[in-house]
Amino acid sequence: MTLEARPVPLSYPRKRYFPGTVLVPDTAVERKTTLIPRRPGPVPKQLDAGPFEAEVDSFRLHLAAEGKAGRTLDTYTEAVRWFAAGHLLRQTDKSSWEQVERQDLQRWTVWLLGEYSTAYASNQFRAVRRFLRWLAAEQDRPDPTAGLRAPTASPRLVPVFTSEELSALRAACHGRSFAARRDAAIIEVLLATGIRRSEVAGIRCDPDRGDLDLAGREIRVRGKGGRERIVKISYQAARSVDRYLRARARHPLAARPELWLGVGGRGPVTPDGSTRSWPRPARRPVWRCTRTGSGITSPTPG
């Protein structure tokens, strides 16, 4: 009688991120095998702040007056609303911000650390702490967060594309179609510059104030807070963008100032909302690859 080996199912701790493995050739150029986090789908948050809402709206106005970008406004105010709805209203009997104590933020942070990554918990802590400090100054009362420090986020390994994966990514965008020309141009711009996907999506080709200088191989991009800077691109990237512009000239919305347009007459491509218009082989890698250090990060799983 022989015994048959059976695979033992693996179990993981209840965390926001799950480990997975990406194999990379062991050469002088490539990275070795690394463990990378796998991210599940987003979990709905409780964001109904109830009696705490009015001050959150005032905080958003304060940040907007400081010139913060729209994404920053959303990140900070969502963190505060989540703290109010998820902890103050559900775990305490408090009904006003004046009743909030340092222990409330500490307990909320401990819960976040048990459910999410340290980096995410730290970001949420900083947003709520900034709000409570601002509110204390507005109301001329002691800061309840005085002396509290954010959790220290440990750095995580970032997976990078291998040369084979980059070749496959480029091959997926070969062709003369509008989509192929556009995707190839975006990939080359990302590889040449390593700019953020929001910066890529924000490039304009307006005749009056465009961001492209293909002859000089330069692109003007807008980073956080609307700060502008010039990035240099390669000859390959300039040639790919030029090819895309010739295909773009026949698009029904060619008069739009946004550089990247959707397939089938659709409007501008955004960093988050319009990825469904991309060809399936290149849909995920294009927006998910950004340069980190000396390499290009590979697509985020999930």
Foldseek 3Di string as FASTA:
>chain_A
DDDDDDDDDDDDAQEQWDWDWDAWDPDPPFDHIFIDTAGDDDDDAFQCLPLAVVLLVVVLVVVVVVLFDPVVSCLLSSLQSRLNRVQVVPPHPDRYLVPDALVSLVVVLVVCVNYYALVVSLSSSVSNLVSQVVVCVVVVHDRRNPPPDRGDHDDGDFAFDYPVRLVVLLVVLDDLALQSLQLNLLQQQQVFFLDALQFLQAAWDAVVDGQDDLVQQWGWTADTSRDIDITHGDNSNSVSLVSNLVNLVPAPVSNDGTSAQAPPNGGGDGLPDPLVRHPVVNSQQSNQWGDDPPGIGGGRHD
